[in-house]
Amino acid sequence: MRIYRTPSSIMLAGKAWEIRAKLKVYAKEFETVQQWIQAGDYENTKIIPFPTTKQSPF
């Protein structure tokens, strides 16, 4: 599973059960998605910044 973030959004990519489980974890810490985005403490997590330019997967 991957979590991509931009300054104004978060995108979760993975299997449905993985995303549901991750959302349950974050729901215990944040009441809204807006609070999750504004928290901004992503340096110590596995959240990947969303690429601003297209990159080849190869």
C-alpha atoms as a PDB file:
ATOM      1  CA  MET A   1       0.000   0.000   0.000  1.00  0.00           C
ATOM      2  CA  ARG A   2       1.146   3.523  -0.747  1.00  0.00           C
ATOM      3  CA  ILE A   3       0.056   6.883   0.602  1.00  0.00           C
ATOM      4  CA  TYR A   4       0.701   9.913  -1.599  1.00  0.00           C
ATOM      5  CA  ARG A   5       0.295  13.427  -0.301  1.00  0.00           C
ATOM      6  CA  THR A   6       0.176  16.932  -1.721  1.00  0.00           C
ATOM      7  CA  PRO A   7      -0.223  20.119   0.302  1.00  0.00           C
ATOM      8  CA  SER A   8      -4.000  19.921  -0.214  1.00  0.00           C
ATOM      9  CA  SER A   9      -4.819  16.215  -0.566  1.00  0.00           C
ATOM     10  CA  ILE A  10      -3.971  12.635   0.327  1.00  0.00           C
ATOM     11  CA  MET A  11      -4.294   9.661  -2.029  1.00  0.00           C
ATOM     12  CA  LEU A  12      -4.260   6.064  -0.840  1.00  0.00           C
ATOM     13  CA  ALA A  13      -3.324   3.323  -3.300  1.00  0.00           C
ATOM     14  CA  GLY A  14      -3.598  -0.353  -2.556  1.00  0.00           C
ATOM     15  CA  LYS A  15      -6.035  -3.157  -1.989  1.00  0.00           C
ATOM     16  CA  ALA A  16      -9.425  -2.195  -0.583  1.00  0.00           C
ATOM     17  CA  TRP A  17      -8.859  -4.028   2.703  1.00  0.00           C
ATOM     18  CA  GLU A  18      -5.491  -2.285   3.173  1.00  0.00           C
ATOM     19  CA  ILE A  19      -7.013   1.142   2.608  1.00  0.00           C
ATOM     20  CA  ARG A  20      -9.907   0.449   5.003  1.00  0.00           C
ATOM     21  CA  ALA A  21      -7.476  -0.737   7.690  1.00  0.00           C
ATOM     22  CA  LYS A  22      -5.240   2.325   7.255  1.00  0.00           C
ATOM     23  CA  LEU A  23      -8.244   4.681   7.397  1.00  0.00           C
ATOM     24  CA  LYS A  24      -9.337   3.046  10.663  1.00  0.00           C
ATOM     25  CA  VAL A  25      -5.879   3.687  12.122  1.00  0.00           C
ATOM     26  CA  TYR A  26      -5.912   7.343  11.061  1.00  0.00           C
ATOM     27  CA  ALA A  27      -9.533   7.772  12.236  1.00  0.00           C
ATOM     28  CA  LYS A  28      -8.352   7.117  15.791  1.00  0.00           C
ATOM     29  CA  GLU A  29      -5.867   9.984  15.538  1.00  0.00           C
ATOM     30  CA  PHE A  30      -7.767  12.541  13.425  1.00  0.00           C
ATOM     31  CA  GLU A  31     -11.465  13.436  13.346  1.00  0.00           C
ATOM     32  CA  THR A  32     -11.419  14.737   9.760  1.00  0.00           C
ATOM     33  CA  VAL A  33      -9.288  14.322   6.661  1.00  0.00           C
ATOM     34  CA  GLN A  34      -8.628  18.078   6.760  1.00  0.00           C
ATOM     35  CA  GLN A  35      -6.981  17.668  10.178  1.00  0.00           C
ATOM     36  CA  TRP A  36      -4.884  14.813   8.772  1.00  0.00           C
ATOM     37  CA  ILE A  37      -3.714  16.978   5.868  1.00  0.00           C
ATOM     38  CA  GLN A  38      -2.949  19.946   8.116  1.00  0.00           C
ATOM     39  CA  ALA A  39      -0.998  17.830  10.621  1.00  0.00           C
ATOM     40  CA  GLY A  40       1.873  17.703   8.141  1.00  0.00           C
ATOM     41  CA  ASP A  41       4.129  15.452  10.254  1.00  0.00           C
ATOM     42  CA  TYR A  42       5.150  13.133   7.434  1.00  0.00           C
ATOM     43  CA  GLU A  43       8.907  13.033   7.944  1.00  0.00           C
ATOM     44  CA  ASN A  44       8.849  10.008  10.252  1.00  0.00           C
ATOM     45  CA  THR A  45       6.258   8.023   8.280  1.00  0.00           C
ATOM     46  CA  LYS A  46       6.186   6.071   5.039  1.00  0.00           C
ATOM     47  CA  ILE A  47       4.036   8.632   3.234  1.00  0.00           C
ATOM     48  CA  ILE A  48       5.372   9.395  -0.243  1.00  0.00           C
ATOM     49  CA  PRO A  49       5.188  12.984  -1.539  1.00  0.00           C
ATOM     50  CA  PHE A  50       3.156  13.020  -4.735  1.00  0.00           C
ATOM     51  CA  PRO A  51       5.454  13.614  -7.727  1.00  0.00           C
ATOM     52  CA  THR A  52       5.035  17.027  -9.317  1.00  0.00           C
ATOM     53  CA  THR A  53       6.407  15.887 -12.684  1.00  0.00           C
ATOM     54  CA  LYS A  54       5.827  12.697 -14.608  1.00  0.00           C
ATOM     55  CA  GLN A  55       8.436  10.074 -13.922  1.00  0.00           C
ATOM     56  CA  SER A  56       8.974   6.900 -15.870  1.00  0.00           C
ATOM     57  CA  PRO A  57       8.380   3.755 -13.787  1.00  0.00           C
ATOM     58  CA  PHE A  58      11.389   2.158 -15.525  1.00  0.00           C
END
